[in-house]
Amino acid sequence: MNNDIQIGDRVTLLGLPDWLLHDLPKSEQLELRGFIGHTTVVVDIDLCGYFWLGFAESRETADSLRYSGPSFCVPRESISRRAD
């Protein structure tokens, strides 16, 4: 497994593999493609070596904090590690 990117590293999404998109409805494909070029944090690396990314937002209410949004995995060639 490639160790140049670790959990917690900031990465930029460069692209999405076809296998991730091909069975999704067009609206979800567009939503995920909208994250290309954006930066996020690697939240997990699974046993197959895929990098799990979360593009979510937090919303605070009077008595709770709600975290929602898409998360998905991509292969190493779909991300670039940020230096900052």
N, C-alpha and C. Protein backbone atom coordinates (compact mmCIF):
# COMPACT_ATOMS: atom_id res chain seq x y z
N MET A 1 0.84 -1.18 0.00
CA MET A 1 0.00 0.00 0.00
C MET A 1 0.88 1.25 0.00
N ASN A 2 0.46 2.25 -0.73
CA ASN A 2 1.19 3.50 -0.82
C ASN A 2 0.97 4.31 0.45
N ASN A 3 2.06 4.74 1.10
CA ASN A 3 1.95 5.43 2.38
C ASN A 3 2.18 6.93 2.29
N ASP A 4 2.16 7.51 1.10
CA ASP A 4 2.43 8.94 0.99
C ASP A 4 1.25 9.80 1.45
N ILE A 5 0.06 9.24 1.54
CA ILE A 5 -1.11 9.95 2.03
C ILE A 5 -1.68 9.16 3.20
N GLN A 6 -1.92 9.85 4.30
CA GLN A 6 -2.40 9.23 5.52
C GLN A 6 -3.76 9.79 5.93
N ILE A 7 -4.43 9.10 6.82
CA ILE A 7 -5.67 9.62 7.40
C ILE A 7 -5.38 10.97 8.04
N GLY A 8 -6.23 11.94 7.78
CA GLY A 8 -6.06 13.29 8.31
C GLY A 8 -5.37 14.24 7.35
N ASP A 9 -4.74 13.73 6.30
CA ASP A 9 -4.09 14.59 5.31
C ASP A 9 -5.13 15.32 4.48
N ARG A 10 -4.80 16.55 4.12
CA ARG A 10 -5.66 17.33 3.22
C ARG A 10 -5.28 16.98 1.79
N VAL A 11 -6.31 16.68 0.99
CA VAL A 11 -6.10 16.29 -0.41
C VAL A 11 -7.07 17.04 -1.31
N THR A 12 -6.67 17.16 -2.57
CA THR A 12 -7.54 17.72 -3.59
C THR A 12 -8.04 16.58 -4.46
N LEU A 13 -9.34 16.58 -4.73
CA LEU A 13 -9.92 15.55 -5.59
C LEU A 13 -9.64 15.91 -7.04
N LEU A 14 -8.94 15.04 -7.75
CA LEU A 14 -8.55 15.29 -9.14
C LEU A 14 -9.55 14.75 -10.15
N GLY A 15 -10.25 13.72 -9.78
CA GLY A 15 -11.20 13.08 -10.68
C GLY A 15 -11.90 11.95 -9.97
N LEU A 16 -12.84 11.33 -10.67
CA LEU A 16 -13.62 10.24 -10.11
C LEU A 16 -13.56 9.04 -11.05
N PRO A 17 -13.40 7.85 -10.51
CA PRO A 17 -13.37 6.66 -11.36
C PRO A 17 -14.76 6.36 -11.92
N ASP A 18 -14.79 5.79 -13.11
CA ASP A 18 -16.07 5.44 -13.74
C ASP A 18 -16.89 4.48 -12.89
N TRP A 19 -16.22 3.54 -12.22
CA TRP A 19 -16.95 2.55 -11.42
C TRP A 19 -17.74 3.20 -10.28
N LEU A 20 -17.31 4.37 -9.84
CA LEU A 20 -18.04 5.06 -8.78
C LEU A 20 -19.32 5.70 -9.30
N LEU A 21 -19.27 6.19 -10.52
CA LEU A 21 -20.38 6.98 -11.06
C LEU A 21 -21.39 6.20 -11.88
N HIS A 22 -21.01 5.14 -12.55
CA HIS A 22 -21.82 4.57 -13.63
C HIS A 22 -23.22 4.10 -13.22
N ASP A 23 -23.44 3.69 -11.98
CA ASP A 23 -24.77 3.23 -11.57
C ASP A 23 -25.57 4.29 -10.82
N LEU A 24 -24.99 5.45 -10.64
CA LEU A 24 -25.69 6.50 -9.89
C LEU A 24 -26.65 7.28 -10.79
N PRO A 25 -27.72 7.81 -10.19
CA PRO A 25 -28.59 8.71 -10.97
C PRO A 25 -27.79 9.94 -11.42
N LYS A 26 -28.22 10.53 -12.51
CA LYS A 26 -27.51 11.69 -13.08
C LYS A 26 -27.32 12.80 -12.05
N SER A 27 -28.33 13.05 -11.21
CA SER A 27 -28.23 14.12 -10.22
C SER A 27 -27.10 13.86 -9.23
N GLU A 28 -26.93 12.60 -8.82
CA GLU A 28 -25.85 12.26 -7.90
C GLU A 28 -24.50 12.30 -8.61
N GLN A 29 -24.45 11.91 -9.87
CA GLN A 29 -23.21 12.02 -10.64
C GLN A 29 -22.77 13.48 -10.69
N LEU A 30 -23.70 14.37 -10.98
CA LEU A 30 -23.38 15.80 -11.04
C LEU A 30 -22.90 16.32 -9.69
N GLU A 31 -23.57 15.88 -8.62
CA GLU A 31 -23.17 16.31 -7.28
C GLU A 31 -21.73 15.89 -6.98
N LEU A 32 -21.40 14.62 -7.24
CA LEU A 32 -20.04 14.16 -6.96
C LEU A 32 -19.01 14.83 -7.86
N ARG A 33 -19.34 15.02 -9.13
CA ARG A 33 -18.40 15.70 -10.03
C ARG A 33 -18.14 17.14 -9.57
N GLY A 34 -19.10 17.73 -8.89
CA GLY A 34 -18.93 19.08 -8.38
C GLY A 34 -17.83 19.20 -7.33
N PHE A 35 -17.41 18.09 -6.75
CA PHE A 35 -16.34 18.11 -5.75
C PHE A 35 -14.95 18.06 -6.37
N ILE A 36 -14.86 17.77 -7.66
CA ILE A 36 -13.56 17.73 -8.33
C ILE A 36 -12.92 19.11 -8.25
N GLY A 37 -11.67 19.13 -7.83
CA GLY A 37 -10.94 20.39 -7.65
C GLY A 37 -11.03 20.95 -6.24
N HIS A 38 -11.89 20.37 -5.42
CA HIS A 38 -12.04 20.83 -4.04
C HIS A 38 -11.13 20.05 -3.10
N THR A 39 -10.84 20.65 -1.97
CA THR A 39 -9.96 20.05 -0.97
C THR A 39 -10.78 19.53 0.20
N THR A 40 -10.38 18.39 0.71
CA THR A 40 -11.01 17.79 1.89
C THR A 40 -9.96 16.98 2.64
N VAL A 41 -10.40 16.28 3.67
CA VAL A 41 -9.51 15.48 4.50
C VAL A 41 -9.79 14.00 4.25
N VAL A 42 -8.72 13.21 4.24
CA VAL A 42 -8.87 11.75 4.16
C VAL A 42 -9.37 11.28 5.52
N VAL A 43 -10.57 10.68 5.54
CA VAL A 43 -11.15 10.25 6.81
C VAL A 43 -10.85 8.78 7.12
N ASP A 44 -10.47 8.02 6.10
CA ASP A 44 -10.14 6.62 6.32
C ASP A 44 -9.41 6.08 5.09
N ILE A 45 -8.67 5.01 5.29
CA ILE A 45 -8.06 4.25 4.19
C ILE A 45 -8.46 2.81 4.45
N ASP A 46 -9.22 2.24 3.52
CA ASP A 46 -9.73 0.89 3.79
C ASP A 46 -8.68 -0.18 3.48
N LEU A 47 -9.04 -1.43 3.75
CA LEU A 47 -8.10 -2.54 3.59
C LEU A 47 -7.67 -2.76 2.16
N CYS A 48 -8.46 -2.26 1.20
CA CYS A 48 -8.11 -2.39 -0.22
C CYS A 48 -7.24 -1.22 -0.69
N GLY A 49 -6.98 -0.27 0.19
CA GLY A 49 -6.14 0.87 -0.15
C GLY A 49 -6.89 2.06 -0.74
N TYR A 50 -8.22 2.03 -0.68
CA TYR A 50 -9.00 3.17 -1.17
C TYR A 50 -9.07 4.26 -0.11
N PHE A 51 -9.05 5.48 -0.57
CA PHE A 51 -9.05 6.65 0.31
C PHE A 51 -10.47 7.18 0.45
N TRP A 52 -10.97 7.21 1.67
CA TRP A 52 -12.32 7.69 1.94
C TRP A 52 -12.29 9.19 2.21
N LEU A 53 -13.10 9.90 1.46
CA LEU A 53 -13.18 11.36 1.56
C LEU A 53 -14.58 11.75 2.01
N GLY A 54 -14.66 12.79 2.79
CA GLY A 54 -15.96 13.30 3.21
C GLY A 54 -16.12 14.74 2.77
N PHE A 55 -17.19 15.00 2.07
CA PHE A 55 -17.51 16.37 1.65
C PHE A 55 -18.82 16.73 2.34
N ALA A 56 -18.73 17.00 3.61
CA ALA A 56 -19.94 17.25 4.39
C ALA A 56 -19.85 18.62 5.04
N GLU A 57 -20.97 19.00 5.61
CA GLU A 57 -21.03 20.26 6.33
C GLU A 57 -21.66 20.02 7.68
N SER A 58 -21.33 20.89 8.61
CA SER A 58 -21.90 20.81 9.95
C SER A 58 -22.91 21.93 10.11
N ARG A 59 -24.03 21.58 10.74
CA ARG A 59 -25.06 22.57 11.05
C ARG A 59 -25.38 22.48 12.52
N GLU A 60 -25.24 23.59 13.20
CA GLU A 60 -25.51 23.61 14.63
C GLU A 60 -26.92 24.12 14.88
N THR A 61 -27.63 23.40 15.74
CA THR A 61 -28.95 23.84 16.19
C THR A 61 -28.86 24.14 17.67
N ALA A 62 -29.96 24.49 18.28
CA ALA A 62 -29.95 24.86 19.69
C ALA A 62 -29.42 23.75 20.59
N ASP A 63 -29.69 22.49 20.25
CA ASP A 63 -29.29 21.40 21.14
C ASP A 63 -28.44 20.31 20.49
N SER A 64 -27.98 20.53 19.26
CA SER A 64 -27.17 19.49 18.63
C SER A 64 -26.32 20.04 17.50
N LEU A 65 -25.41 19.20 17.04
CA LEU A 65 -24.58 19.50 15.88
C LEU A 65 -24.84 18.40 14.87
N ARG A 66 -25.26 18.77 13.68
CA ARG A 66 -25.60 17.78 12.65
C ARG A 66 -24.55 17.83 11.54
N TYR A 67 -24.04 16.67 11.20
CA TYR A 67 -23.02 16.52 10.17
C TYR A 67 -23.63 15.68 9.06
N SER A 68 -23.70 16.25 7.86
CA SER A 68 -24.28 15.49 6.76
C SER A 68 -23.61 15.84 5.45
N GLY A 69 -23.68 14.90 4.53
CA GLY A 69 -23.10 15.10 3.21
C GLY A 69 -22.49 13.82 2.70
N PRO A 70 -22.08 13.82 1.45
CA PRO A 70 -21.56 12.59 0.85
C PRO A 70 -20.15 12.24 1.32
N SER A 71 -19.92 10.96 1.41
CA SER A 71 -18.57 10.44 1.59
C SER A 71 -18.43 9.27 0.62
N PHE A 72 -17.25 9.09 0.09
CA PHE A 72 -17.01 8.05 -0.89
C PHE A 72 -15.53 7.74 -0.93
N CYS A 73 -15.19 6.62 -1.54
CA CYS A 73 -13.78 6.24 -1.64
C CYS A 73 -13.31 6.37 -3.08
N VAL A 74 -12.02 6.65 -3.21
CA VAL A 74 -11.38 6.78 -4.52
C VAL A 74 -10.00 6.14 -4.46
N PRO A 75 -9.47 5.74 -5.61
CA PRO A 75 -8.10 5.23 -5.64
C PRO A 75 -7.10 6.39 -5.54
N ARG A 76 -5.86 6.04 -5.29
CA ARG A 76 -4.79 7.03 -5.08
C ARG A 76 -4.68 8.01 -6.24
N GLU A 77 -4.85 7.55 -7.48
CA GLU A 77 -4.65 8.44 -8.63
C GLU A 77 -5.73 9.51 -8.74
N SER A 78 -6.77 9.43 -7.94
CA SER A 78 -7.85 10.42 -7.98
C SER A 78 -7.63 11.58 -7.03
N ILE A 79 -6.55 11.55 -6.23
CA ILE A 79 -6.30 12.61 -5.27
C ILE A 79 -4.86 13.09 -5.32
N SER A 80 -4.67 14.30 -4.85
CA SER A 80 -3.33 14.89 -4.73
C SER A 80 -3.18 15.46 -3.34
N ARG A 81 -2.10 15.13 -2.67
CA ARG A 81 -1.86 15.63 -1.31
C ARG A 81 -1.55 17.12 -1.33
N ARG A 82 -2.17 17.85 -0.43
CA ARG A 82 -1.92 19.28 -0.30
C ARG A 82 -0.69 19.50 0.59
N ALA A 83 0.12 20.45 0.23
CA ALA A 83 1.33 20.74 0.99
C ALA A 83 1.05 21.60 2.22
N ASP A 84 -0.10 22.28 2.23
CA ASP A 84 -0.38 23.23 3.33
C ASP A 84 -0.91 22.60 4.55
